[in-house]
Amino acid sequence: MNISEQLNNERLLSEQKYKQDDVNLKIIKIRQEIEEKKKNLNFTLNIETSDFYEDQIKQLVRKHFFSDMPELPETLKVLHDFSGSETNEFSQLVNNLKHSFKDSFASLNTEYSYIKNQLDSISRKIRDAEKSAEDEYISDLRQKKDALDKRILTIEKEIETLHIKIGEFNNQIKTYKQRQEILRKKIDDSTEYSEKEQKTKQLINILQNYIGLFKAEKKKSLEEKMLKGLNTLLHKENFITKVEVDISVTGDDIDITLYNHKGRIIDKGSLSMGERQMYASALLNALVDESDIDFPVFIDSPMQKFDEQHAANIIKYFYPNVSKQVVIFPLINKELTAKEYRQLQPNVAKAYLINNITTDSSEFLTTTPEDFLNTYNEIYYAN
């Protein structure tokens, strides 16, 4: 029995289970009734006769009451126990194998026969061509074929080389894209820096304008203070009526021009030694005043070139005002007389004498402003 028949019998067995039970039940009832009737018989039935009638009853019940039930082998066992859907799927598979596979196999067999015939035909042509190898036309075709084969090999090598170059170019493209990204970031950064640069330029312009205004203001202030200082220190009235200060762009150099009451430039080389000293003193006083820095001023040979009136002006107006701390190094009686010192003394905080001990050494002697001249006279005029 094949699998298909087994599955079909199992299906029928499953469907007829209840009908079979009903058949058996009816047969049992009939046998029971017959057994009851046999009790009333006045003769005895042998076993063979009894078995015969029982078998006939079974067959007749099935024949007349359950004729639609097929006979199944009594030894039938359920081997697969498929569900209805599984049984249908299996049946469909069997049908496909019986019909579709048969058609496919026939088609494949036909195609195989056709291809085999084609192959045989090509083989014959090849054999015929090989037999005709000595033919000039065939030889020419072979040469062309060989040339084409070589050309194909050359082209394949060129294609392989081009593939390698394409790979290299792809790597270069990748590298260039990375560089492009770096440059893009730099451009973005430069744009940001450009904005900062523009802001910086604006600030620089503002500072330059401020510096220009500051220089102009300082220039004007320096001119006014120099003119005031010169008019205070010089004893010639209206000798200098205008001072012009020219400050270089870098601020490192200052050029000063003096004008007289006629508006003409005064040649500083034409000034006397005392006037030049007054000019230098007025310039120093103006610069110190404009600097706003309290630094000490050291003056050597203070009044060597001055006449009496210029010396009086220097002592009265310049030394007390040029700085908070002024250190003067005069030669007594030559560059600073006793009269001039007494005019200066109210503004002197401390006094020192440089005493020459030998030709190679000297010392500082501390004295008081009041005893300065007396101490000097005692040392140098004791004899």
Protein backbone atom coordinates (compact mmCIF):
# COMPACT_ATOMS: atom_id res chain seq x y z
CA MET A 1 0.00 0.00 0.00
CA ASN A 2 1.44 3.37 -0.99
CA ILE A 3 1.33 6.51 1.13
CA SER A 4 -1.51 8.05 -0.86
CA GLU A 5 -3.75 5.00 -0.32
CA GLN A 6 -2.79 4.85 3.36
CA LEU A 7 -3.72 8.50 3.86
CA ASN A 8 -6.99 8.00 1.97
CA ASN A 9 -7.90 4.97 4.11
CA GLU A 10 -7.03 6.88 7.27
CA ARG A 11 -9.28 9.71 6.11
CA LEU A 12 -12.13 7.27 5.37
CA LEU A 13 -11.55 5.54 8.68
CA SER A 14 -11.80 8.86 10.48
CA GLU A 15 -14.98 9.80 8.59
CA GLN A 16 -16.67 6.38 9.06
CA LYS A 17 -15.77 5.92 12.70
CA TYR A 18 -19.23 6.79 13.97
CA LYS A 19 -21.01 4.91 11.16
CA GLN A 20 -18.96 1.79 11.90
CA ASP A 21 -19.86 2.01 15.55
CA ASP A 22 -23.52 2.22 14.57
CA VAL A 23 -23.20 -0.85 12.29
CA ASN A 24 -21.58 -2.88 15.03
CA LEU A 25 -24.24 -1.82 17.51
CA LYS A 26 -27.07 -2.92 15.21
CA ILE A 27 -25.37 -6.25 14.49
CA ILE A 28 -25.00 -6.89 18.22
CA LYS A 29 -28.71 -6.18 18.79
CA ILE A 30 -29.71 -8.53 15.98
CA ARG A 31 -27.51 -11.29 17.39
CA GLN A 32 -29.03 -10.77 20.82
CA GLU A 33 -32.55 -11.06 19.43
CA ILE A 34 -31.60 -14.21 17.50
CA GLU A 35 -30.17 -15.71 20.66
CA GLU A 36 -33.47 -15.04 22.42
CA LYS A 37 -35.39 -16.74 19.60
CA LYS A 38 -33.06 -19.74 19.66
CA LYS A 39 -34.23 -20.52 23.17
CA ASN A 40 -37.67 -21.38 21.80
CA LEU A 41 -36.33 -23.84 19.23
CA ASN A 42 -36.81 -27.52 19.79
CA PHE A 43 -33.59 -28.35 17.96
CA THR A 44 -29.96 -27.33 18.31
CA LEU A 45 -27.80 -25.44 15.77
CA ASN A 46 -24.21 -26.44 15.41
CA ILE A 47 -21.42 -23.85 15.67
CA GLU A 48 -20.61 -23.75 11.96
CA THR A 49 -24.21 -23.05 11.05
CA SER A 50 -24.45 -20.38 13.71
CA ASP A 51 -21.25 -18.66 12.49
CA PHE A 52 -22.49 -18.80 8.93
CA TYR A 53 -25.68 -16.98 9.74
CA GLU A 54 -23.87 -14.36 11.82
CA ASP A 55 -21.52 -13.57 8.94
CA GLN A 56 -24.40 -13.35 6.52
CA ILE A 57 -26.28 -11.02 8.84
CA LYS A 58 -23.23 -8.71 9.06
CA GLN A 59 -22.84 -8.58 5.30
CA LEU A 60 -26.53 -8.05 4.67
CA VAL A 61 -26.75 -5.22 7.22
CA ARG A 62 -23.85 -3.50 5.58
CA LYS A 63 -25.22 -4.11 2.12
CA HIS A 64 -28.75 -2.89 2.69
CA PHE A 65 -28.27 -0.21 5.37
CA PHE A 66 -24.69 1.04 4.99
CA SER A 67 -23.89 0.44 1.34
CA ASP A 68 -22.05 3.81 1.04
CA MET A 69 -19.37 2.68 3.48
CA PRO A 70 -16.34 1.23 1.68
CA GLU A 71 -14.75 -1.88 3.04
CA LEU A 72 -11.53 -1.17 4.90
CA PRO A 73 -8.98 -3.75 5.90
CA GLU A 74 -9.50 -4.84 9.48
CA THR A 75 -5.71 -4.70 9.97
CA LEU A 76 -5.59 -1.02 8.98
CA LYS A 77 -3.53 1.04 11.42
CA VAL A 78 -3.26 4.84 11.64
CA LEU A 79 0.34 5.65 10.73
CA HIS A 80 0.29 9.37 9.88
CA ASP A 81 -2.75 10.88 11.56
CA PHE A 82 -2.78 13.88 9.18
CA SER A 83 -5.29 16.66 9.59
CA GLY A 84 -7.69 17.45 6.78
CA SER A 85 -5.57 20.37 5.50
CA GLU A 86 -2.39 18.31 5.64
CA THR A 87 -4.05 15.48 3.74
CA ASN A 88 -5.25 17.94 1.07
CA GLU A 89 -1.75 19.43 0.72
CA PHE A 90 -0.27 15.98 0.28
CA SER A 91 -2.90 15.06 -2.31
CA GLN A 92 -2.16 18.28 -4.20
CA LEU A 93 1.54 17.47 -4.17
CA VAL A 94 0.85 13.99 -5.56
CA ASN A 95 -1.34 15.43 -8.31
CA ASN A 96 1.39 17.92 -9.23
CA LEU A 97 3.90 15.12 -9.45
CA LYS A 98 1.54 13.07 -11.59
CA HIS A 99 0.60 15.84 -13.98
CA SER A 100 2.77 19.03 -13.79
CA PHE A 101 6.02 17.14 -13.27
CA LYS A 102 5.15 14.88 -16.14
CA ASP A 103 4.56 17.88 -18.41
CA SER A 104 7.78 19.58 -17.21
CA PHE A 105 9.75 16.41 -17.73
CA ALA A 106 8.36 16.04 -21.23
CA SER A 107 9.22 19.68 -21.99
CA LEU A 108 12.75 19.27 -20.64
CA ASN A 109 13.19 16.10 -22.64
CA THR A 110 12.08 17.90 -25.79
CA GLU A 111 14.43 20.82 -25.08
CA TYR A 112 17.25 18.40 -24.35
CA SER A 113 16.71 16.66 -27.66
CA TYR A 114 16.71 20.01 -29.48
CA ILE A 115 19.91 21.22 -27.80
CA LYS A 116 21.57 17.86 -28.41
CA ASN A 117 20.73 18.14 -32.09
CA GLN A 118 22.10 21.70 -32.16
CA LEU A 119 25.29 20.56 -30.43
CA ASP A 120 25.70 17.72 -32.89
CA SER A 121 25.23 20.16 -35.77
CA ILE A 122 27.84 22.56 -34.35
CA SER A 123 30.25 19.70 -33.74
CA ARG A 124 29.88 18.62 -37.34
CA LYS A 125 30.55 22.17 -38.53
CA ILE A 126 33.65 22.35 -36.35
CA ARG A 127 34.89 19.04 -37.72
CA ASP A 128 34.21 20.24 -41.25
CA ALA A 129 36.07 23.48 -40.50
CA GLU A 130 39.02 21.58 -39.10
CA LYS A 131 39.09 19.42 -42.21
CA SER A 132 39.16 22.62 -44.29
CA ALA A 133 42.02 24.19 -42.29
CA GLU A 134 44.24 24.26 -45.34
CA ASP A 135 41.71 26.35 -47.20
CA GLU A 136 43.03 29.91 -47.83
CA TYR A 137 39.80 31.57 -46.74
CA ILE A 138 39.66 29.56 -43.54
CA SER A 139 43.32 30.31 -42.88
CA ASP A 140 42.66 34.01 -43.32
CA LEU A 141 39.74 33.78 -40.90
CA ARG A 142 41.95 31.98 -38.40
CA GLN A 143 44.56 34.73 -38.64
CA LYS A 144 41.90 37.37 -38.15
CA LYS A 145 40.56 35.39 -35.22
CA ASP A 146 44.04 35.15 -33.68
CA ALA A 147 44.53 38.88 -34.20
CA LEU A 148 41.17 39.57 -32.60
CA ASP A 149 42.02 37.25 -29.71
CA LYS A 150 45.27 39.16 -29.15
CA ARG A 151 43.38 42.42 -29.42
CA ILE A 152 40.89 41.14 -26.86
CA LEU A 153 43.74 40.23 -24.50
CA THR A 154 45.29 43.67 -25.00
CA ILE A 155 41.95 45.37 -24.36
CA GLU A 156 41.38 43.23 -21.28
CA LYS A 157 44.79 44.28 -19.95
CA GLU A 158 43.97 47.90 -20.76
CA ILE A 159 40.64 47.50 -18.98
CA GLU A 160 42.45 46.02 -15.97
CA THR A 161 44.91 48.93 -16.03
CA LEU A 162 42.01 51.38 -16.29
CA HIS A 163 40.30 49.71 -13.33
CA ILE A 164 43.49 50.18 -11.32
CA LYS A 165 43.66 53.83 -12.39
CA ILE A 166 39.98 54.25 -11.54
CA GLY A 167 40.74 52.90 -8.07
CA GLU A 168 43.64 55.33 -7.75
CA PHE A 169 41.47 58.20 -8.98
CA ASN A 170 38.76 57.24 -6.50
CA ASN A 171 41.36 57.36 -3.72
CA GLN A 172 42.52 60.76 -5.00
CA ILE A 173 38.92 61.96 -5.12
CA LYS A 174 38.48 60.81 -1.53
CA THR A 175 41.67 62.64 -0.55
CA TYR A 176 40.57 65.78 -2.43
CA LYS A 177 37.17 65.66 -0.75
CA GLN A 178 38.90 65.48 2.62
CA ARG A 179 41.07 68.45 1.64
CA GLN A 180 37.97 70.21 0.36
CA GLU A 181 36.32 69.68 3.73
CA ILE A 182 39.41 71.03 5.49
CA LEU A 183 39.47 74.06 3.16
CA ARG A 184 35.75 74.59 3.70
CA LYS A 185 36.32 74.66 7.44
CA LYS A 186 39.22 77.07 6.92
CA ILE A 187 36.98 79.24 4.75
CA ASP A 188 34.33 79.20 7.47
CA ASP A 189 37.01 80.06 10.02
CA SER A 190 38.42 82.77 7.74
CA THR A 191 34.92 84.18 7.36
CA GLU A 192 34.64 84.28 11.13
CA TYR A 193 38.13 85.79 11.35
CA SER A 194 37.19 88.25 8.60
CA GLU A 195 34.28 89.45 10.71
CA LYS A 196 36.64 89.79 13.66
CA GLU A 197 39.14 91.54 11.39
CA GLN A 198 36.48 94.00 10.28
CA LYS A 199 35.59 94.63 13.90
CA THR A 200 39.29 95.03 14.72
CA LYS A 201 39.72 97.48 11.84
CA GLN A 202 36.77 99.48 13.12
CA LEU A 203 38.33 99.56 16.58
CA ILE A 204 41.71 100.50 15.08
CA ASN A 205 40.08 103.33 13.12
CA ILE A 206 38.39 104.51 16.30
CA LEU A 207 41.71 104.32 18.17
CA GLN A 208 43.53 106.08 15.34
CA ASN A 209 40.95 108.84 15.33
CA TYR A 210 41.23 109.07 19.09
CA ILE A 211 45.03 109.10 18.89
CA GLY A 212 44.85 111.79 16.22
CA LEU A 213 42.58 113.90 18.40
CA PHE A 214 44.76 113.15 21.42
CA LYS A 215 47.91 114.18 19.53
CA ALA A 216 46.23 117.34 18.29
CA GLU A 217 45.15 118.16 21.83
CA LYS A 218 48.62 117.40 23.23
CA LYS A 219 50.22 119.38 20.41
CA LYS A 220 48.09 122.40 21.18
CA SER A 221 48.66 122.05 24.92
CA LEU A 222 52.43 121.66 24.44
CA GLU A 223 52.53 124.73 22.20
CA GLU A 224 50.64 126.80 24.76
CA LYS A 225 52.79 125.64 27.69
CA MET A 226 56.04 126.19 25.82
CA LEU A 227 54.99 129.69 24.79
CA LYS A 228 53.95 130.46 28.35
CA GLY A 229 57.22 129.06 29.72
CA LEU A 230 59.34 131.02 27.24
CA ASN A 231 57.51 134.27 27.96
CA THR A 232 57.96 133.63 31.69
CA LEU A 233 61.67 132.81 31.54
CA LEU A 234 62.86 135.22 28.82
CA HIS A 235 63.23 138.85 29.77
CA LYS A 236 62.59 140.08 26.21
CA GLU A 237 58.93 141.00 25.86
CA ASN A 238 57.08 139.77 22.75
CA PHE A 239 60.30 138.16 21.51
CA ILE A 240 58.48 134.89 20.80
CA THR A 241 54.75 135.16 20.06
CA LYS A 242 53.99 131.71 18.67
CA VAL A 243 55.27 128.17 19.12
CA GLU A 244 54.40 125.47 16.58
CA VAL A 245 54.94 121.80 17.49
CA ASP A 246 55.02 119.14 14.76
CA ILE A 247 54.75 115.55 16.08
CA SER A 248 55.77 112.74 13.69
CA VAL A 249 53.31 109.97 12.78
CA THR A 250 55.14 107.48 14.99
CA GLY A 251 55.31 109.99 17.82
CA ASP A 252 59.06 109.48 18.18
CA ASP A 253 60.17 112.87 16.85
CA ILE A 254 59.05 116.40 17.69
CA ASP A 255 59.93 119.43 15.58
CA ILE A 256 59.43 122.84 17.23
CA THR A 257 59.23 126.12 15.31
CA LEU A 258 59.37 129.55 16.97
CA TYR A 259 57.75 132.70 15.50
CA ASN A 260 58.34 136.37 16.37
CA HIS A 261 55.76 139.12 16.61
CA LYS A 262 55.94 139.61 12.83
CA GLY A 263 54.98 135.99 12.20
CA ARG A 264 58.44 135.09 10.95
CA ILE A 265 60.30 131.94 11.91
CA ILE A 266 63.05 132.47 14.45
CA ASP A 267 66.24 130.58 13.65
CA LYS A 268 67.12 128.77 16.86
CA GLY A 269 70.77 128.97 15.84
CA SER A 270 70.58 132.77 16.17
CA LEU A 271 69.59 132.55 19.85
CA SER A 272 72.14 133.43 22.50
CA MET A 273 73.47 130.72 24.80
CA GLY A 274 71.22 131.93 27.59
CA GLU A 275 68.17 132.01 25.31
CA ARG A 276 68.94 128.50 24.14
CA GLN A 277 69.12 127.43 27.79
CA MET A 278 65.76 129.12 28.40
CA TYR A 279 64.33 127.35 25.34
CA ALA A 280 65.55 123.96 26.61
CA SER A 281 64.21 124.68 30.10
CA ALA A 282 60.79 125.73 28.76
CA LEU A 283 60.67 122.59 26.59
CA LEU A 284 61.60 120.35 29.54
CA ASN A 285 59.01 122.01 31.77
CA ALA A 286 56.28 121.60 29.13
CA LEU A 287 57.15 117.94 28.46
CA VAL A 288 57.22 117.05 32.15
CA ASP A 289 53.91 118.80 32.68
CA GLU A 290 52.29 117.02 29.70
CA SER A 291 53.57 113.59 30.71
CA ASP A 292 51.58 113.54 33.97
CA ILE A 293 54.43 111.49 35.47
CA ASP A 294 56.17 112.55 38.65
CA PHE A 295 59.78 111.68 37.89
CA PRO A 296 62.85 113.48 39.25
CA VAL A 297 64.67 116.03 37.14
CA PHE A 298 68.49 116.19 37.27
CA ILE A 299 70.13 119.43 36.12
CA ASP A 300 73.89 119.74 35.69
CA SER A 301 75.59 123.12 35.29
CA PRO A 302 72.24 124.85 35.83
CA MET A 303 72.94 128.54 35.21
CA GLN A 304 76.30 128.67 33.53
CA LYS A 305 75.06 130.62 30.49
CA PHE A 306 72.45 132.84 32.15
CA ASP A 307 72.63 136.54 32.78
CA GLU A 308 71.35 137.85 36.09
CA GLN A 309 67.72 138.31 35.00
CA HIS A 310 67.52 134.94 33.31
CA ALA A 311 69.03 133.30 36.39
CA ALA A 312 66.45 135.00 38.60
CA ASN A 313 63.62 133.78 36.36
CA ILE A 314 64.97 130.22 36.38
CA ILE A 315 65.26 130.19 40.17
CA LYS A 316 61.86 131.75 40.68
CA TYR A 317 59.73 130.03 38.04
CA PHE A 318 61.49 126.96 36.68
CA TYR A 319 63.21 125.00 39.47
CA PRO A 320 60.26 125.08 41.93
CA ASN A 321 57.72 124.01 39.28
CA VAL A 322 59.42 121.68 36.80
CA SER A 323 58.97 118.61 39.07
CA LYS A 324 58.27 117.59 42.63
CA GLN A 325 61.88 116.45 42.96
CA VAL A 326 64.64 118.46 41.29
CA VAL A 327 68.34 117.64 41.78
CA ILE A 328 70.78 120.40 40.84
CA PHE A 329 74.54 119.92 40.40
CA PRO A 330 75.99 123.49 40.42
CA LEU A 331 79.55 124.70 40.80
CA ILE A 332 79.32 127.08 43.76
CA ASN A 333 80.12 130.70 43.00
CA LYS A 334 80.61 129.85 39.32
CA GLU A 335 77.25 128.39 38.30
CA LEU A 336 75.38 129.33 41.48
CA THR A 337 76.28 132.43 43.47
CA ALA A 338 75.51 132.97 47.16
CA LYS A 339 72.81 135.46 46.19
CA GLU A 340 71.18 133.02 43.78
CA TYR A 341 71.36 130.21 46.38
CA ARG A 342 69.60 132.39 48.98
CA GLN A 343 66.82 132.98 46.41
CA LEU A 344 66.60 129.22 45.84
CA GLN A 345 67.01 128.15 49.50
CA PRO A 346 63.28 128.30 50.52
CA ASN A 347 62.60 125.49 48.01
CA VAL A 348 65.63 123.35 48.97
CA ALA A 349 64.73 120.21 50.97
CA LYS A 350 68.20 118.66 51.32
CA ALA A 351 71.75 119.70 50.55
CA TYR A 352 74.90 117.66 49.91
CA LEU A 353 78.50 118.51 49.12
CA ILE A 354 80.72 116.33 46.94
CA ASN A 355 84.08 116.45 48.66
CA ASN A 356 87.14 115.43 46.66
CA ILE A 357 89.33 113.33 48.94
CA THR A 358 91.97 112.49 46.36
CA THR A 359 92.27 112.78 42.64
CA ASP A 360 90.66 109.36 42.31
CA SER A 361 87.97 109.44 44.97
CA SER A 362 85.29 111.66 46.49
CA GLU A 363 82.55 111.50 49.08
CA PHE A 364 79.10 112.91 49.82
CA LEU A 365 78.90 115.20 52.83
CA THR A 366 75.44 115.65 54.26
CA THR A 367 74.56 119.18 55.34
CA THR A 368 71.46 121.30 55.75
CA PRO A 369 70.11 123.89 53.33
CA GLU A 370 70.87 126.58 55.93
CA ASP A 371 74.49 125.46 56.48
CA PHE A 372 75.22 124.53 52.89
CA LEU A 373 77.26 127.62 51.94
CA ASN A 374 78.98 127.84 55.35
CA THR A 375 80.04 124.19 55.12
CA TYR A 376 81.31 124.76 51.60
CA ASN A 377 83.32 127.83 52.67
CA GLU A 378 84.74 126.01 55.67
CA ILE A 379 86.03 123.19 53.50
CA TYR A 380 87.37 125.15 50.56
CA TYR A 381 88.21 128.54 52.10
CA ALA A 382 89.42 127.52 55.57
CA ASN A 383 92.90 128.77 54.78
